[in-house]
Amino acid sequence: MATRKSSSTTTTTVLFEDMLPLMANKLGGEGLIKELCNGFRLLMDKDRKVITFDSLKRNSAAVLGLNDLLDDELMSMMREGDIDGDGTLSEMEFCVLMFRLSPELMVQSQNWLHDSSS
């Protein structure tokens, strides 16, 4: 996490290292998907079987230790991944979002697709 100060305010910026390409290389495609599904289950609402704003807020702090995320940042994550507009993230939406947030992994996926069709 990085903190920037200006004359009157302090802005906290959360920086994440993209570990998905390393995981993909180590685990392979199937293993990576399994781990993404495990991550989804850690963040999901256990009753509804989807990630809700409340489950993301609660579990990102309790399970992942990301206590400094603001509600606006969490809502932004939800909106970015919510493909069907229902206000929640399904397992598929979560996995797609994780791939979209990893530019290097997207390039690797395109290369794998190209190689498999050759």
PDB file of N, CA and C in Angstrom:
ATOM      1  N   MET A   1       0.840  -1.147   0.000  1.00  0.00           N
ATOM      2  CA  MET A   1       0.000   0.000   0.000  1.00  0.00           C
ATOM      3  C   MET A   1       0.895   1.222   0.000  1.00  0.00           C
ATOM      4  N   ALA A   2       0.518   2.228  -0.779  1.00  0.00           N
ATOM      5  CA  ALA A   2       1.282   3.459  -0.845  1.00  0.00           C
ATOM      6  C   ALA A   2       0.417   4.606  -0.338  1.00  0.00           C
ATOM      7  N   THR A   3       1.049   5.568   0.323  1.00  0.00           N
ATOM      8  CA  THR A   3       0.330   6.736   0.809  1.00  0.00           C
ATOM      9  C   THR A   3       0.944   7.972   0.191  1.00  0.00           C
ATOM     10  N   ARG A   4       0.086   8.828  -0.364  1.00  0.00           N
ATOM     11  CA  ARG A   4       0.533  10.090  -0.941  1.00  0.00           C
ATOM     12  C   ARG A   4      -0.063  11.223  -0.124  1.00  0.00           C
ATOM     13  N   LYS A   5       0.743  12.229   0.183  1.00  0.00           N
ATOM     14  CA  LYS A   5       0.244  13.379   0.930  1.00  0.00           C
ATOM     15  C   LYS A   5       0.317  14.614   0.052  1.00  0.00           C
ATOM     16  N   SER A   6      -0.738  15.398   0.091  1.00  0.00           N
ATOM     17  CA  SER A   6      -0.718  16.715  -0.517  1.00  0.00           C
ATOM     18  C   SER A   6      -0.812  17.706   0.629  1.00  0.00           C
ATOM     19  N   SER A   7      -0.925  18.973   0.339  1.00  0.00           N
ATOM     20  CA  SER A   7      -0.907  19.978   1.392  1.00  0.00           C
ATOM     21  C   SER A   7      -2.041  19.811   2.401  1.00  0.00           C
ATOM     22  N   SER A   8      -3.219  19.366   1.973  1.00  0.00           N
ATOM     23  CA  SER A   8      -4.341  19.304   2.909  1.00  0.00           C
ATOM     24  C   SER A   8      -4.971  17.923   3.059  1.00  0.00           C
ATOM     25  N   THR A   9      -4.610  16.973   2.216  1.00  0.00           N
ATOM     26  CA  THR A   9      -5.239  15.656   2.289  1.00  0.00           C
ATOM     27  C   THR A   9      -4.202  14.552   2.171  1.00  0.00           C
ATOM     28  N   THR A  10      -4.599  13.396   2.609  1.00  0.00           N
ATOM     29  CA  THR A  10      -3.773  12.193   2.445  1.00  0.00           C
ATOM     30  C   THR A  10      -4.572  11.208   1.617  1.00  0.00           C
ATOM     31  N   THR A  11      -3.985  10.680   0.571  1.00  0.00           N
ATOM     32  CA  THR A  11      -4.640   9.713  -0.293  1.00  0.00           C
ATOM     33  C   THR A  11      -3.927   8.383  -0.161  1.00  0.00           C
ATOM     34  N   THR A  12      -4.678   7.337   0.082  1.00  0.00           N
ATOM     35  CA  THR A  12      -4.100   6.007   0.164  1.00  0.00           C
ATOM     36  C   THR A  12      -4.394   5.273  -1.129  1.00  0.00           C
ATOM     37  N   THR A  13      -3.368   4.729  -1.737  1.00  0.00           N
ATOM     38  CA  THR A  13      -3.509   3.970  -2.965  1.00  0.00           C
ATOM     39  C   THR A  13      -3.110   2.535  -2.671  1.00  0.00           C
ATOM     40  N   VAL A  14      -3.972   1.602  -3.028  1.00  0.00           N
ATOM     41  CA  VAL A  14      -3.679   0.195  -2.813  1.00  0.00           C
ATOM     42  C   VAL A  14      -3.076  -0.360  -4.096  1.00  0.00           C
ATOM     43  N   LEU A  15      -1.881  -0.921  -3.980  1.00  0.00           N
ATOM     44  CA  LEU A  15      -1.201  -1.502  -5.130  1.00  0.00           C
ATOM     45  C   LEU A  15      -1.151  -3.008  -4.941  1.00  0.00           C
ATOM     46  N   PHE A  16      -1.564  -3.745  -5.961  1.00  0.00           N
ATOM     47  CA  PHE A  16      -1.545  -5.194  -5.902  1.00  0.00           C
ATOM     48  C   PHE A  16      -0.582  -5.712  -6.946  1.00  0.00           C
ATOM     49  N   GLU A  17       0.237  -6.671  -6.548  1.00  0.00           N
ATOM     50  CA  GLU A  17       1.103  -7.328  -7.505  1.00  0.00           C
ATOM     51  C   GLU A  17       0.298  -8.421  -8.178  1.00  0.00           C
ATOM     52  N   ASP A  18       0.354  -8.468  -9.491  1.00  0.00           N
ATOM     53  CA  ASP A  18      -0.401  -9.449 -10.265  1.00  0.00           C
ATOM     54  C   ASP A  18       0.289 -10.804 -10.176  1.00  0.00           C
ATOM     55  N   MET A  19      -0.291 -11.689  -9.379  1.00  0.00           N
ATOM     56  CA  MET A  19       0.292 -13.011  -9.167  1.00  0.00           C
ATOM     57  C   MET A  19      -0.337 -14.075 -10.076  1.00  0.00           C
ATOM     58  N   LEU A  20      -1.388 -13.721 -10.809  1.00  0.00           N
ATOM     59  CA  LEU A  20      -2.063 -14.724 -11.632  1.00  0.00           C
ATOM     60  C   LEU A  20      -1.160 -15.359 -12.688  1.00  0.00           C
ATOM     61  N   PRO A  21      -0.307 -14.593 -13.378  1.00  0.00           N
ATOM     62  CA  PRO A  21       0.572 -15.250 -14.362  1.00  0.00           C
ATOM     63  C   PRO A  21       1.503 -16.279 -13.720  1.00  0.00           C
ATOM     64  N   LEU A  22       2.039 -15.961 -12.538  1.00  0.00           N
ATOM     65  CA  LEU A  22       2.906 -16.917 -11.851  1.00  0.00           C
ATOM     66  C   LEU A  22       2.120 -18.156 -11.442  1.00  0.00           C
ATOM     67  N   MET A  23       0.901 -17.944 -10.948  1.00  0.00           N
ATOM     68  CA  MET A  23       0.054 -19.073 -10.566  1.00  0.00           C
ATOM     69  C   MET A  23      -0.273 -19.930 -11.774  1.00  0.00           C
ATOM     70  N   ALA A  24      -0.573 -19.281 -12.898  1.00  0.00           N
ATOM     71  CA  ALA A  24      -0.912 -20.019 -14.122  1.00  0.00           C
ATOM     72  C   ALA A  24       0.267 -20.869 -14.584  1.00  0.00           C
ATOM     73  N   ASN A  25       1.466 -20.300 -14.519  1.00  0.00           N
ATOM     74  CA  ASN A  25       2.651 -21.059 -14.931  1.00  0.00           C
ATOM     75  C   ASN A  25       2.895 -22.241 -14.009  1.00  0.00           C
ATOM     76  N   LYS A  26       2.677 -22.043 -12.714  1.00  0.00           N
ATOM     77  CA  LYS A  26       2.943 -23.098 -11.748  1.00  0.00           C
ATOM     78  C   LYS A  26       1.844 -24.157 -11.725  1.00  0.00           C
ATOM     79  N   LEU A  27       0.574 -23.719 -11.775  1.00  0.00           N
ATOM     80  CA  LEU A  27      -0.558 -24.628 -11.595  1.00  0.00           C
ATOM     81  C   LEU A  27      -1.159 -25.152 -12.894  1.00  0.00           C
ATOM     82  N   GLY A  28      -0.876 -24.470 -14.002  1.00  0.00           N
ATOM     83  CA  GLY A  28      -1.542 -24.814 -15.255  1.00  0.00           C
ATOM     84  C   GLY A  28      -2.942 -24.224 -15.276  1.00  0.00           C
ATOM     85  N   GLY A  29      -3.592 -24.310 -16.409  1.00  0.00           N
ATOM     86  CA  GLY A  29      -4.918 -23.718 -16.570  1.00  0.00           C
ATOM     87  C   GLY A  29      -5.953 -24.252 -15.611  1.00  0.00           C
ATOM     88  N   GLU A  30      -6.027 -25.561 -15.503  1.00  0.00           N
ATOM     89  CA  GLU A  30      -7.019 -26.186 -14.623  1.00  0.00           C
ATOM     90  C   GLU A  30      -6.784 -25.827 -13.158  1.00  0.00           C
ATOM     91  N   GLY A  31      -5.520 -25.853 -12.747  1.00  0.00           N
ATOM     92  CA  GLY A  31      -5.175 -25.518 -11.368  1.00  0.00           C
ATOM     93  C   GLY A  31      -5.483 -24.072 -11.040  1.00  0.00           C
ATOM     94  N   LEU A  32      -5.241 -23.178 -12.014  1.00  0.00           N
ATOM     95  CA  LEU A  32      -5.538 -21.765 -11.801  1.00  0.00           C
ATOM     96  C   LEU A  32      -7.034 -21.549 -11.606  1.00  0.00           C
ATOM     97  N   ILE A  33      -7.834 -22.172 -12.446  1.00  0.00           N
ATOM     98  CA  ILE A  33      -9.291 -22.035 -12.316  1.00  0.00           C
ATOM     99  C   ILE A  33      -9.751 -22.571 -10.966  1.00  0.00           C
ATOM    100  N   LYS A  34      -9.185 -23.671 -10.529  1.00  0.00           N
ATOM    101  CA  LYS A  34      -9.537 -24.234  -9.216  1.00  0.00           C
ATOM    102  C   LYS A  34      -9.224 -23.236  -8.100  1.00  0.00           C
ATOM    103  N   GLU A  35      -8.065 -22.587  -8.171  1.00  0.00           N
ATOM    104  CA  GLU A  35      -7.680 -21.606  -7.154  1.00  0.00           C
ATOM    105  C   GLU A  35      -8.568 -20.362  -7.206  1.00  0.00           C
ATOM    106  N   LEU A  36      -8.937 -19.927  -8.413  1.00  0.00           N
ATOM    107  CA  LEU A  36      -9.854 -18.787  -8.526  1.00  0.00           C
ATOM    108  C   LEU A  36     -11.199 -19.132  -7.892  1.00  0.00           C
ATOM    109  N   CYS A  37     -11.664 -20.349  -8.111  1.00  0.00           N
ATOM    110  CA  CYS A  37     -12.933 -20.786  -7.502  1.00  0.00           C
ATOM    111  C   CYS A  37     -12.815 -20.835  -5.983  1.00  0.00           C
ATOM    112  N   ASN A  38     -11.661 -21.254  -5.478  1.00  0.00           N
ATOM    113  CA  ASN A  38     -11.430 -21.231  -4.029  1.00  0.00           C
ATOM    114  C   ASN A  38     -11.480 -19.800  -3.502  1.00  0.00           C
ATOM    115  N   GLY A  39     -10.875 -18.875  -4.240  1.00  0.00           N
ATOM    116  CA  GLY A  39     -10.911 -17.467  -3.853  1.00  0.00           C
ATOM    117  C   GLY A  39     -12.325 -16.928  -3.850  1.00  0.00           C
ATOM    118  N   PHE A  40     -13.106 -17.322  -4.841  1.00  0.00           N
ATOM    119  CA  PHE A  40     -14.509 -16.912  -4.896  1.00  0.00           C
ATOM    120  C   PHE A  40     -15.243 -17.373  -3.643  1.00  0.00           C
ATOM    121  N   ARG A  41     -15.040 -18.635  -3.276  1.00  0.00           N
ATOM    122  CA  ARG A  41     -15.732 -19.177  -2.100  1.00  0.00           C
ATOM    123  C   ARG A  41     -15.341 -18.453  -0.811  1.00  0.00           C
ATOM    124  N   LEU A  42     -14.103 -17.971  -0.724  1.00  0.00           N
ATOM    125  CA  LEU A  42     -13.677 -17.206   0.446  1.00  0.00           C
ATOM    126  C   LEU A  42     -14.435 -15.881   0.570  1.00  0.00           C
ATOM    127  N   LEU A  43     -14.782 -15.276  -0.569  1.00  0.00           N
ATOM    128  CA  LEU A  43     -15.404 -13.953  -0.572  1.00  0.00           C
ATOM    129  C   LEU A  43     -16.924 -13.975  -0.660  1.00  0.00           C
ATOM    130  N   MET A  44     -17.499 -15.112  -0.998  1.00  0.00           N
ATOM    131  CA  MET A  44     -18.937 -15.158  -1.271  1.00  0.00           C
ATOM    132  C   MET A  44     -19.782 -15.138   0.004  1.00  0.00           C
ATOM    133  N   ASP A  45     -21.022 -14.753  -0.184  1.00  0.00           N
ATOM    134  CA  ASP A  45     -22.052 -14.871   0.849  1.00  0.00           C
ATOM    135  C   ASP A  45     -22.436 -16.344   0.876  1.00  0.00           C
ATOM    136  N   LYS A  46     -22.246 -16.990   2.004  1.00  0.00           N
ATOM    137  CA  LYS A  46     -22.436 -18.448   2.091  1.00  0.00           C
ATOM    138  C   LYS A  46     -23.883 -18.869   1.832  1.00  0.00           C
ATOM    139  N   ASP A  47     -24.849 -18.022   2.157  1.00  0.00           N
ATOM    140  CA  ASP A  47     -26.260 -18.363   1.929  1.00  0.00           C
ATOM    141  C   ASP A  47     -26.673 -18.162   0.478  1.00  0.00           C
ATOM    142  N   ARG A  48     -26.220 -17.064  -0.126  1.00  0.00           N
ATOM    143  CA  ARG A  48     -26.649 -16.730  -1.496  1.00  0.00           C
ATOM    144  C   ARG A  48     -25.752 -17.331  -2.568  1.00  0.00           C
ATOM    145  N   LYS A  49     -24.559 -17.778  -2.213  1.00  0.00           N
ATOM    146  CA  LYS A  49     -23.600 -18.398  -3.143  1.00  0.00           C
ATOM    147  C   LYS A  49     -23.131 -17.436  -4.241  1.00  0.00           C
ATOM    148  N   VAL A  50     -23.095 -16.137  -3.913  1.00  0.00           N
ATOM    149  CA  VAL A  50     -22.561 -15.095  -4.791  1.00  0.00           C
ATOM    150  C   VAL A  50     -21.779 -14.122  -3.913  1.00  0.00           C
ATOM    151  N   ILE A  51     -20.947 -13.304  -4.538  1.00  0.00           N
ATOM    152  CA  ILE A  51     -20.276 -12.242  -3.799  1.00  0.00           C
ATOM    153  C   ILE A  51     -21.197 -11.037  -3.796  1.00  0.00           C
ATOM    154  N   THR A  52     -21.548 -10.583  -2.611  1.00  0.00           N
ATOM    155  CA  THR A  52     -22.339  -9.360  -2.452  1.00  0.00           C
ATOM    156  C   THR A  52     -21.406  -8.268  -1.945  1.00  0.00           C
ATOM    157  N   PHE A  53     -21.881  -7.037  -1.960  1.00  0.00           N
ATOM    158  CA  PHE A  53     -21.077  -5.951  -1.408  1.00  0.00           C
ATOM    159  C   PHE A  53     -20.713  -6.257   0.041  1.00  0.00           C
ATOM    160  N   ASP A  54     -21.699  -6.688   0.815  1.00  0.00           N
ATOM    161  CA  ASP A  54     -21.458  -6.967   2.233  1.00  0.00           C
ATOM    162  C   ASP A  54     -20.463  -8.106   2.438  1.00  0.00           C
ATOM    163  N   SER A  55     -20.587  -9.182   1.651  1.00  0.00           N
ATOM    164  CA  SER A  55     -19.652 -10.299   1.820  1.00  0.00           C
ATOM    165  C   SER A  55     -18.249  -9.894   1.373  1.00  0.00           C
ATOM    166  N   LEU A  56     -18.146  -9.073   0.332  1.00  0.00           N
ATOM    167  CA  LEU A  56     -16.835  -8.596  -0.115  1.00  0.00           C
ATOM    168  C   LEU A  56     -16.198  -7.724   0.954  1.00  0.00           C
ATOM    169  N   LYS A  57     -16.997  -6.828   1.529  1.00  0.00           N
ATOM    170  CA  LYS A  57     -16.478  -5.933   2.563  1.00  0.00           C
ATOM    171  C   LYS A  57     -16.020  -6.735   3.787  1.00  0.00           C
ATOM    172  N   ARG A  58     -16.870  -7.618   4.232  1.00  0.00           N
ATOM    173  CA  ARG A  58     -16.577  -8.412   5.431  1.00  0.00           C
ATOM    174  C   ARG A  58     -15.374  -9.340   5.204  1.00  0.00           C
ATOM    175  N   ASN A  59     -15.393 -10.076   4.115  1.00  0.00           N
ATOM    176  CA  ASN A  59     -14.373 -11.095   3.883  1.00  0.00           C
ATOM    177  C   ASN A  59     -13.050 -10.537   3.367  1.00  0.00           C
ATOM    178  N   SER A  60     -13.082  -9.415   2.657  1.00  0.00           N
ATOM    179  CA  SER A  60     -11.810  -8.832   2.221  1.00  0.00           C
ATOM    180  C   SER A  60     -11.016  -8.362   3.434  1.00  0.00           C
ATOM    181  N   ALA A  61     -11.715  -7.917   4.467  1.00  0.00           N
ATOM    182  CA  ALA A  61     -11.028  -7.507   5.700  1.00  0.00           C
ATOM    183  C   ALA A  61     -10.663  -8.725   6.547  1.00  0.00           C
ATOM    184  N   ALA A  62     -11.636  -9.592   6.803  1.00  0.00           N
ATOM    185  CA  ALA A  62     -11.420 -10.721   7.717  1.00  0.00           C
ATOM    186  C   ALA A  62     -10.500 -11.792   7.139  1.00  0.00           C
ATOM    187  N   VAL A  63     -10.700 -12.127   5.873  1.00  0.00           N
ATOM    188  CA  VAL A  63      -9.958 -13.243   5.266  1.00  0.00           C
ATOM    189  C   VAL A  63      -8.668 -12.770   4.597  1.00  0.00           C
ATOM    190  N   LEU A  64      -8.738 -11.632   3.895  1.00  0.00           N
ATOM    191  CA  LEU A  64      -7.577 -11.176   3.133  1.00  0.00           C
ATOM    192  C   LEU A  64      -6.768 -10.094   3.837  1.00  0.00           C
ATOM    193  N   GLY A  65      -7.298  -9.558   4.939  1.00  0.00           N
ATOM    194  CA  GLY A  65      -6.585  -8.517   5.672  1.00  0.00           C
ATOM    195  C   GLY A  65      -6.572  -7.165   4.991  1.00  0.00           C
ATOM    196  N   LEU A  66      -7.500  -6.941   4.058  1.00  0.00           N
ATOM    197  CA  LEU A  66      -7.566  -5.671   3.338  1.00  0.00           C
ATOM    198  C   LEU A  66      -8.524  -4.724   4.057  1.00  0.00           C
ATOM    199  N   ASN A  67      -8.129  -4.284   5.229  1.00  0.00           N
ATOM    200  CA  ASN A  67      -8.982  -3.454   6.078  1.00  0.00           C
ATOM    201  C   ASN A  67      -9.121  -2.019   5.585  1.00  0.00           C
ATOM    202  N   ASP A  68      -8.207  -1.552   4.749  1.00  0.00           N
ATOM    203  CA  ASP A  68      -8.182  -0.153   4.356  1.00  0.00           C
ATOM    204  C   ASP A  68      -8.993   0.161   3.101  1.00  0.00           C
ATOM    205  N   LEU A  69      -9.666  -0.831   2.528  1.00  0.00           N
ATOM    206  CA  LEU A  69     -10.447  -0.558   1.326  1.00  0.00           C
ATOM    207  C   LEU A  69     -11.701   0.227   1.686  1.00  0.00           C
ATOM    208  N   LEU A  70     -11.942   1.286   0.946  1.00  0.00           N
ATOM    209  CA  LEU A  70     -13.117   2.124   1.172  1.00  0.00           C
ATOM    210  C   LEU A  70     -14.332   1.510   0.496  1.00  0.00           C
ATOM    211  N   ASP A  71     -15.515   1.875   0.981  1.00  0.00           N
ATOM    212  CA  ASP A  71     -16.752   1.378   0.374  1.00  0.00           C
ATOM    213  C   ASP A  71     -16.817   1.704  -1.110  1.00  0.00           C
ATOM    214  N   ASP A  72     -16.353   2.897  -1.502  1.00  0.00           N
ATOM    215  CA  ASP A  72     -16.364   3.287  -2.923  1.00  0.00           C
ATOM    216  C   ASP A  72     -15.483   2.362  -3.753  1.00  0.00           C
ATOM    217  N   GLU A  73     -14.344   1.964  -3.190  1.00  0.00           N
ATOM    218  CA  GLU A  73     -13.441   1.061  -3.908  1.00  0.00           C
ATOM    219  C   GLU A  73     -14.074  -0.325  -4.058  1.00  0.00           C
ATOM    220  N   LEU A  74     -14.722  -0.790  -3.002  1.00  0.00           N
ATOM    221  CA  LEU A  74     -15.395  -2.089  -3.066  1.00  0.00           C
ATOM    222  C   LEU A  74     -16.547  -2.059  -4.067  1.00  0.00           C
ATOM    223  N   MET A  75     -17.328  -0.978  -4.054  1.00  0.00           N
ATOM    224  CA  MET A  75     -18.443  -0.853  -5.008  1.00  0.00           C
ATOM    225  C   MET A  75     -17.921  -0.799  -6.439  1.00  0.00           C
ATOM    226  N   SER A  76     -16.804  -0.139  -6.639  1.00  0.00           N
ATOM    227  CA  SER A  76     -16.205  -0.075  -7.967  1.00  0.00           C
ATOM    228  C   SER A  76     -15.813  -1.466  -8.458  1.00  0.00           C
ATOM    229  N   MET A  77     -15.242  -2.281  -7.552  1.00  0.00           N
ATOM    230  CA  MET A  77     -14.899  -3.663  -7.910  1.00  0.00           C
ATOM    231  C   MET A  77     -16.157  -4.442  -8.291  1.00  0.00           C
ATOM    232  N   MET A  78     -17.196  -4.266  -7.507  1.00  0.00           N
ATOM    233  CA  MET A  78     -18.455  -4.979  -7.776  1.00  0.00           C
ATOM    234  C   MET A  78     -19.014  -4.574  -9.146  1.00  0.00           C
ATOM    235  N   ARG A  79     -19.057  -3.270  -9.401  1.00  0.00           N
ATOM    236  CA  ARG A  79     -19.607  -2.791 -10.684  1.00  0.00           C
ATOM    237  C   ARG A  79     -18.786  -3.285 -11.868  1.00  0.00           C
ATOM    238  N   GLU A  80     -17.462  -3.291 -11.712  1.00  0.00           N
ATOM    239  CA  GLU A  80     -16.602  -3.705 -12.820  1.00  0.00           C
ATOM    240  C   GLU A  80     -16.814  -5.165 -13.199  1.00  0.00           C
ATOM    241  N   GLY A  81     -17.083  -6.005 -12.217  1.00  0.00           N
ATOM    242  CA  GLY A  81     -17.248  -7.428 -12.498  1.00  0.00           C
ATOM    243  C   GLY A  81     -18.663  -7.876 -12.757  1.00  0.00           C
ATOM    244  N   ASP A  82     -19.653  -7.046 -12.432  1.00  0.00           N
ATOM    245  CA  ASP A  82     -21.064  -7.427 -12.503  1.00  0.00           C
ATOM    246  C   ASP A  82     -21.576  -7.354 -13.937  1.00  0.00           C
ATOM    247  N   ILE A  83     -21.379  -8.408 -14.674  1.00  0.00           N
ATOM    248  CA  ILE A  83     -21.733  -8.441 -16.098  1.00  0.00           C
ATOM    249  C   ILE A  83     -23.239  -8.397 -16.312  1.00  0.00           C
ATOM    250  N   ASP A  84     -24.007  -9.128 -15.506  1.00  0.00           N
ATOM    251  CA  ASP A  84     -25.457  -9.208 -15.724  1.00  0.00           C
ATOM    252  C   ASP A  84     -26.249  -8.115 -14.998  1.00  0.00           C
ATOM    253  N   GLY A  85     -25.570  -7.252 -14.241  1.00  0.00           N
ATOM    254  CA  GLY A  85     -26.228  -6.109 -13.618  1.00  0.00           C
ATOM    255  C   GLY A  85     -27.105  -6.429 -12.418  1.00  0.00           C
ATOM    256  N   ASP A  86     -26.903  -7.598 -11.793  1.00  0.00           N
ATOM    257  CA  ASP A  86     -27.758  -7.951 -10.657  1.00  0.00           C
ATOM    258  C   ASP A  86     -27.211  -7.472  -9.311  1.00  0.00           C
ATOM    259  N   GLY A  87     -26.076  -6.759  -9.320  1.00  0.00           N
ATOM    260  CA  GLY A  87     -25.512  -6.223  -8.091  1.00  0.00           C
ATOM    261  C   GLY A  87     -24.669  -7.207  -7.309  1.00  0.00           C
ATOM    262  N   THR A  88     -24.444  -8.394  -7.840  1.00  0.00           N
ATOM    263  CA  THR A  88     -23.621  -9.410  -7.196  1.00  0.00           C
ATOM    264  C   THR A  88     -22.634  -9.972  -8.217  1.00  0.00           C
ATOM    265  N   LEU A  89     -21.665 -10.737  -7.723  1.00  0.00           N
ATOM    266  CA  LEU A  89     -20.738 -11.424  -8.614  1.00  0.00           C
ATOM    267  C   LEU A  89     -20.932 -12.927  -8.483  1.00  0.00           C
ATOM    268  N   SER A  90     -21.261 -13.551  -9.600  1.00  0.00           N
ATOM    269  CA  SER A  90     -21.324 -15.009  -9.641  1.00  0.00           C
ATOM    270  C   SER A  90     -19.890 -15.534  -9.730  1.00  0.00           C
ATOM    271  N   GLU A  91     -19.740 -16.830  -9.601  1.00  0.00           N
ATOM    272  CA  GLU A  91     -18.415 -17.426  -9.713  1.00  0.00           C
ATOM    273  C   GLU A  91     -17.800 -17.125 -11.082  1.00  0.00           C
ATOM    274  N   MET A  92     -18.589 -17.218 -12.131  1.00  0.00           N
ATOM    275  CA  MET A  92     -18.082 -16.946 -13.482  1.00  0.00           C
ATOM    276  C   MET A  92     -17.679 -15.475 -13.622  1.00  0.00           C
ATOM    277  N   GLU A  93     -18.516 -14.563 -13.126  1.00  0.00           N
ATOM    278  CA  GLU A  93     -18.188 -13.133 -13.208  1.00  0.00           C
ATOM    279  C   GLU A  93     -16.893 -12.842 -12.448  1.00  0.00           C
ATOM    280  N   PHE A  94     -16.723 -13.466 -11.288  1.00  0.00           N
ATOM    281  CA  PHE A  94     -15.509 -13.269 -10.497  1.00  0.00           C
ATOM    282  C   PHE A  94     -14.281 -13.751 -11.274  1.00  0.00           C
ATOM    283  N   CYS A  95     -14.352 -14.931 -11.856  1.00  0.00           N
ATOM    284  CA  CYS A  95     -13.220 -15.482 -12.603  1.00  0.00           C
ATOM    285  C   CYS A  95     -12.897 -14.616 -13.820  1.00  0.00           C
ATOM    286  N   VAL A  96     -13.912 -14.187 -14.536  1.00  0.00           N
ATOM    287  CA  VAL A  96     -13.697 -13.306 -15.695  1.00  0.00           C
ATOM    288  C   VAL A  96     -13.036 -12.004 -15.243  1.00  0.00           C
ATOM    289  N   LEU A  97     -13.511 -11.440 -14.140  1.00  0.00           N
ATOM    290  CA  LEU A  97     -12.927 -10.203 -13.616  1.00  0.00           C
ATOM    291  C   LEU A  97     -11.454 -10.398 -13.268  1.00  0.00           C
ATOM    292  N   MET A  98     -11.122 -11.499 -12.629  1.00  0.00           N
ATOM    293  CA  MET A  98      -9.726 -11.744 -12.266  1.00  0.00           C
ATOM    294  C   MET A  98      -8.843 -11.825 -13.511  1.00  0.00           C
ATOM    295  N   PHE A  99      -9.346 -12.459 -14.569  1.00  0.00           N
ATOM    296  CA  PHE A  99      -8.585 -12.517 -15.825  1.00  0.00           C
ATOM    297  C   PHE A  99      -8.457 -11.126 -16.437  1.00  0.00           C
ATOM    298  N   ARG A 100      -9.550 -10.370 -16.436  1.00  0.00           N
ATOM    299  CA  ARG A 100      -9.511  -9.026 -17.025  1.00  0.00           C
ATOM    300  C   ARG A 100      -8.567  -8.097 -16.282  1.00  0.00           C
ATOM    301  N   LEU A 101      -8.421  -8.294 -14.975  1.00  0.00           N
ATOM    302  CA  LEU A 101      -7.544  -7.437 -14.178  1.00  0.00           C
ATOM    303  C   LEU A 101      -6.078  -7.837 -14.285  1.00  0.00           C
ATOM    304  N   SER A 102      -5.786  -8.883 -15.038  1.00  0.00           N
ATOM    305  CA  SER A 102      -4.419  -9.362 -15.205  1.00  0.00           C
ATOM    306  C   SER A 102      -4.022  -9.265 -16.678  1.00  0.00           C
ATOM    307  N   PRO A 103      -3.512  -8.110 -17.106  1.00  0.00           N
ATOM    308  CA  PRO A 103      -3.157  -7.939 -18.527  1.00  0.00           C
ATOM    309  C   PRO A 103      -2.188  -8.998 -19.034  1.00  0.00           C
ATOM    310  N   GLU A 104      -1.190  -9.347 -18.227  1.00  0.00           N
ATOM    311  CA  GLU A 104      -0.208 -10.344 -18.660  1.00  0.00           C
ATOM    312  C   GLU A 104      -0.856 -11.704 -18.861  1.00  0.00           C
ATOM    313  N   LEU A 105      -1.771 -12.053 -17.976  1.00  0.00           N
ATOM    314  CA  LEU A 105      -2.461 -13.331 -18.105  1.00  0.00           C
ATOM    315  C   LEU A 105      -3.361 -13.338 -19.344  1.00  0.00           C
ATOM    316  N   MET A 106      -3.953 -12.198 -19.664  1.00  0.00           N
ATOM    317  CA  MET A 106      -4.783 -12.104 -20.874  1.00  0.00           C
ATOM    318  C   MET A 106      -3.933 -12.368 -22.111  1.00  0.00           C
ATOM    319  N   VAL A 107      -2.742 -11.817 -22.151  1.00  0.00           N
ATOM    320  CA  VAL A 107      -1.843 -12.046 -23.291  1.00  0.00           C
ATOM    321  C   VAL A 107      -1.473 -13.523 -23.366  1.00  0.00           C
ATOM    322  N   GLN A 108      -1.144 -14.125 -22.211  1.00  0.00           N
ATOM    323  CA  GLN A 108      -0.808 -15.546 -22.191  1.00  0.00           C
ATOM    324  C   GLN A 108      -1.986 -16.390 -22.670  1.00  0.00           C
ATOM    325  N   SER A 109      -3.196 -16.030 -22.250  1.00  0.00           N
ATOM    326  CA  SER A 109      -4.389 -16.777 -22.662  1.00  0.00           C
ATOM    327  C   SER A 109      -4.587 -16.694 -24.162  1.00  0.00           C
ATOM    328  N   GLN A 110      -4.381 -15.515 -24.725  1.00  0.00           N
ATOM    329  CA  GLN A 110      -4.514 -15.356 -26.167  1.00  0.00           C
ATOM    330  C   GLN A 110      -3.470 -16.200 -26.892  1.00  0.00           C
ATOM    331  N   ASN A 111      -2.251 -16.244 -26.349  1.00  0.00           N
ATOM    332  CA  ASN A 111      -1.201 -17.065 -26.961  1.00  0.00           C
ATOM    333  C   ASN A 111      -1.552 -18.544 -26.888  1.00  0.00           C
ATOM    334  N   TRP A 112      -2.083 -18.999 -25.729  1.00  0.00           N
ATOM    335  CA  TRP A 112      -2.487 -20.403 -25.587  1.00  0.00           C
ATOM    336  C   TRP A 112      -3.588 -20.744 -26.585  1.00  0.00           C
ATOM    337  N   LEU A 113      -4.540 -19.837 -26.743  1.00  0.00           N
ATOM    338  CA  LEU A 113      -5.640 -20.053 -27.678  1.00  0.00           C
ATOM    339  C   LEU A 113      -5.107 -20.136 -29.102  1.00  0.00           C
ATOM    340  N   HIS A 114      -4.216 -19.242 -29.451  1.00  0.00           N
ATOM    341  CA  HIS A 114      -3.637 -19.230 -30.789  1.00  0.00           C
ATOM    342  C   HIS A 114      -2.851 -20.520 -31.036  1.00  0.00           C
ATOM    343  N   ASP A 115      -2.034 -20.928 -30.051  1.00  0.00           N
ATOM    344  CA  ASP A 115      -1.242 -22.152 -30.200  1.00  0.00           C
ATOM    345  C   ASP A 115      -2.120 -23.395 -30.338  1.00  0.00           C
ATOM    346  N   SER A 116      -3.234 -23.426 -29.615  1.00  0.00           N
ATOM    347  CA  SER A 116      -4.103 -24.614 -29.663  1.00  0.00           C
ATOM    348  C   SER A 116      -4.874 -24.699 -30.969  1.00  0.00           C
ATOM    349  N   SER A 117      -5.075 -23.567 -31.636  1.00  0.00           N
ATOM    350  CA  SER A 117      -5.822 -23.595 -32.895  1.00  0.00           C
ATOM    351  C   SER A 117      -4.906 -23.781 -34.098  1.00  0.00           C
ATOM    352  N   SER A 118      -3.602 -23.795 -33.868  1.00  0.00           N
ATOM    353  CA  SER A 118      -2.634 -23.973 -34.978  1.00  0.00           C
ATOM    354  C   SER A 118      -2.451 -25.422 -35.332  1.00  0.00           C
TER     355      SER A 118
END
